[in-house]
Amino acid sequence: MEITLFNVFLIVHGLVHLLYFALSRKLFELDKPLVGWPEQSWLFSKFLGVTATRNTTSLLYVLAIALFVASGVSGLLRVAAWPAIVTIAAVFSSVTIILFWDGVLKRMPDKGFVGVLINAAILVVVLVPLVTLG
C-alpha cells in the first residue's frame, strides 16, 4: 500500500508542475504574482530574452511533468527501472527550478524551492534503500 501511495504522490507532484507551466505561458496570474519569474532567470534571461526564456521554461516544465508521471506509473507497474526514472525526474525538476530562479534569496517558497525540498525527500526515499541493500 505504501508503494502505491508513494507512486500516486509522484504523479500528483508531477502535476503540480502544471502550475509553473501555466505561469510560464501566462495562462493566468496569481493574486500575489511571482514578480520576475521566469523572465529574471539568473542564467537564461540575459542571453535568451523574455520570450525565449518563457518558452524554455514551458518546455522544461512539460518534461518535468512527463518524468514524474512516468515515474509514478512505472512504480505502479513495478517496472525494474523505476528507481532510475524517479531519480531522473527529481534531479531534473530541481535543476529546472534552480535554473529559472532569479538569484534573490527572498520569497524562496514562492519560487519553487519547496519543490526542491520535496525532490530531495523523494531521492532519499528512493536511493537510501538501494544504498543500504547494496
Protein backbone atom coordinates (compact mmCIF):
# COMPACT_ATOMS: atom_id res chain seq x y z
CA MET A 1 0.00 0.00 0.00
CA GLU A 2 2.83 2.43 0.85
CA ILE A 3 4.38 1.85 -2.56
CA THR A 4 1.08 2.63 -4.27
CA LEU A 5 0.60 5.81 -2.25
CA PHE A 6 4.16 6.92 -2.95
CA ASN A 7 3.70 6.41 -6.69
CA VAL A 8 0.40 8.29 -6.66
CA PHE A 9 2.23 11.06 -4.78
CA LEU A 10 4.87 11.13 -7.56
CA ILE A 11 2.14 11.59 -10.17
CA VAL A 12 0.47 14.36 -8.16
CA HIS A 13 3.83 16.04 -7.53
CA GLY A 14 4.41 15.99 -11.27
CA LEU A 15 1.02 17.53 -11.92
CA VAL A 16 1.82 20.37 -9.51
CA HIS A 17 4.43 21.39 -12.09
CA LEU A 18 1.46 22.34 -14.29
CA LEU A 19 1.15 25.47 -12.15
CA TYR A 20 4.61 26.65 -13.18
CA PHE A 21 3.99 25.65 -16.80
CA ALA A 22 0.77 27.70 -16.82
CA LEU A 23 2.53 30.66 -15.19
CA SER A 24 5.35 30.50 -17.77
CA ARG A 25 2.75 30.56 -20.57
CA LYS A 26 0.89 33.42 -18.81
CA LEU A 27 -2.30 31.34 -18.83
CA PHE A 28 -3.19 33.02 -15.53
CA GLU A 29 -1.61 35.15 -12.82
CA LEU A 30 -1.52 34.68 -9.10
CA ASP A 31 -3.02 37.19 -6.66
CA LYS A 32 0.49 37.63 -5.31
CA PRO A 33 2.48 37.33 -8.55
CA LEU A 34 5.98 35.94 -8.73
CA VAL A 35 7.48 39.18 -9.90
CA GLY A 36 10.12 38.49 -12.50
CA TRP A 37 9.52 34.74 -12.82
CA PRO A 38 10.77 33.35 -15.12
CA GLU A 39 11.93 36.47 -17.01
CA GLN A 40 14.62 37.24 -14.45
CA SER A 41 16.28 33.83 -14.51
CA TRP A 42 19.84 34.23 -13.24
CA LEU A 43 21.03 32.09 -16.16
CA PHE A 44 18.78 32.46 -19.19
CA SER A 45 17.34 35.97 -19.16
CA LYS A 46 20.47 37.83 -20.11
CA PHE A 47 21.13 35.93 -23.32
CA LEU A 48 17.74 34.46 -24.33
CA GLY A 49 15.38 37.35 -23.71
CA VAL A 50 11.88 37.19 -22.25
CA THR A 51 10.05 35.17 -24.92
CA ALA A 52 12.72 32.51 -25.34
CA THR A 53 13.14 32.24 -21.56
CA ARG A 54 9.39 31.69 -21.13
CA ASN A 55 9.34 29.12 -23.95
CA THR A 56 12.33 27.27 -22.49
CA THR A 57 10.67 27.31 -19.07
CA SER A 58 7.47 25.86 -20.52
CA LEU A 59 9.31 23.09 -22.33
CA LEU A 60 11.36 22.07 -19.30
CA TYR A 61 8.31 22.04 -17.03
CA VAL A 62 6.41 19.84 -19.51
CA LEU A 63 9.37 17.44 -19.41
CA ALA A 64 9.36 17.50 -15.59
CA ILE A 65 5.63 16.72 -15.59
CA ALA A 66 6.14 13.83 -18.02
CA LEU A 67 9.05 12.44 -16.00
CA PHE A 68 7.13 12.45 -12.71
CA VAL A 69 4.01 10.95 -14.25
CA ALA A 70 6.18 8.28 -15.93
CA SER A 71 7.94 7.59 -12.63
CA GLY A 72 4.66 7.13 -10.77
CA VAL A 73 3.16 4.93 -13.47
CA SER A 74 6.34 2.85 -13.76
CA GLY A 75 6.26 2.33 -10.00
CA LEU A 76 2.64 1.23 -10.09
CA LEU A 77 3.50 -1.20 -12.89
CA ARG A 78 6.59 -2.43 -11.00
CA VAL A 79 8.99 -1.54 -13.81
CA ALA A 80 12.56 -2.52 -12.89
CA ALA A 81 13.95 0.87 -13.99
CA TRP A 82 11.65 2.69 -11.55
CA PRO A 83 14.42 3.98 -9.23
CA ALA A 84 16.32 5.44 -12.18
CA ILE A 85 13.21 7.12 -13.60
CA VAL A 86 12.32 8.65 -10.23
CA THR A 87 15.89 9.85 -9.72
CA ILE A 88 15.98 11.48 -13.15
CA ALA A 89 12.61 13.17 -12.52
CA ALA A 90 13.60 14.57 -9.11
CA VAL A 91 17.01 15.81 -10.24
CA PHE A 92 15.63 17.28 -13.49
CA SER A 93 12.85 19.11 -11.62
CA SER A 94 15.27 20.54 -9.06
CA VAL A 95 17.72 21.69 -11.72
CA THR A 96 14.87 23.33 -13.65
CA ILE A 97 13.71 25.20 -10.55
CA ILE A 98 17.25 26.41 -9.86
CA LEU A 99 17.87 27.45 -13.49
CA PHE A 100 14.82 29.73 -13.52
CA TRP A 101 15.37 31.17 -10.06
CA ASP A 102 16.04 34.92 -10.08
CA GLY A 103 19.04 34.63 -7.76
CA VAL A 104 17.35 36.56 -4.94
CA LEU A 105 17.00 34.84 -1.56
CA LYS A 106 13.59 36.39 -0.79
CA ARG A 107 10.26 34.51 -1.10
CA MET A 108 12.05 31.22 -1.73
CA PRO A 109 8.93 29.07 -1.14
CA ASP A 110 7.11 31.08 -3.83
CA LYS A 111 9.95 30.40 -6.26
CA GLY A 112 9.59 26.62 -6.17
CA PHE A 113 12.15 25.81 -3.52
CA VAL A 114 9.63 23.79 -1.55
CA GLY A 115 9.67 21.58 -4.63
CA VAL A 116 13.45 21.21 -4.34
CA LEU A 117 12.99 20.03 -0.74
CA ILE A 118 10.27 17.59 -1.81
CA ASN A 119 12.53 16.32 -4.59
CA ALA A 120 15.34 15.80 -2.06
CA ALA A 121 12.98 13.80 0.16
CA ILE A 122 11.91 11.72 -2.85
CA LEU A 123 15.57 10.97 -3.60
CA VAL A 124 16.14 9.88 0.00
CA VAL A 125 13.12 7.54 -0.09
CA VAL A 126 14.23 6.00 -3.39
CA LEU A 127 18.02 5.92 -3.04
CA VAL A 128 18.66 5.12 0.64
CA PRO A 129 17.18 1.60 0.38
CA LEU A 130 19.28 0.97 -2.73
CA VAL A 131 22.47 2.04 -0.96
CA THR A 132 21.76 0.15 2.27
CA LEU A 133 20.69 -3.03 0.46
CA GLY A 134 23.75 -2.87 -1.75
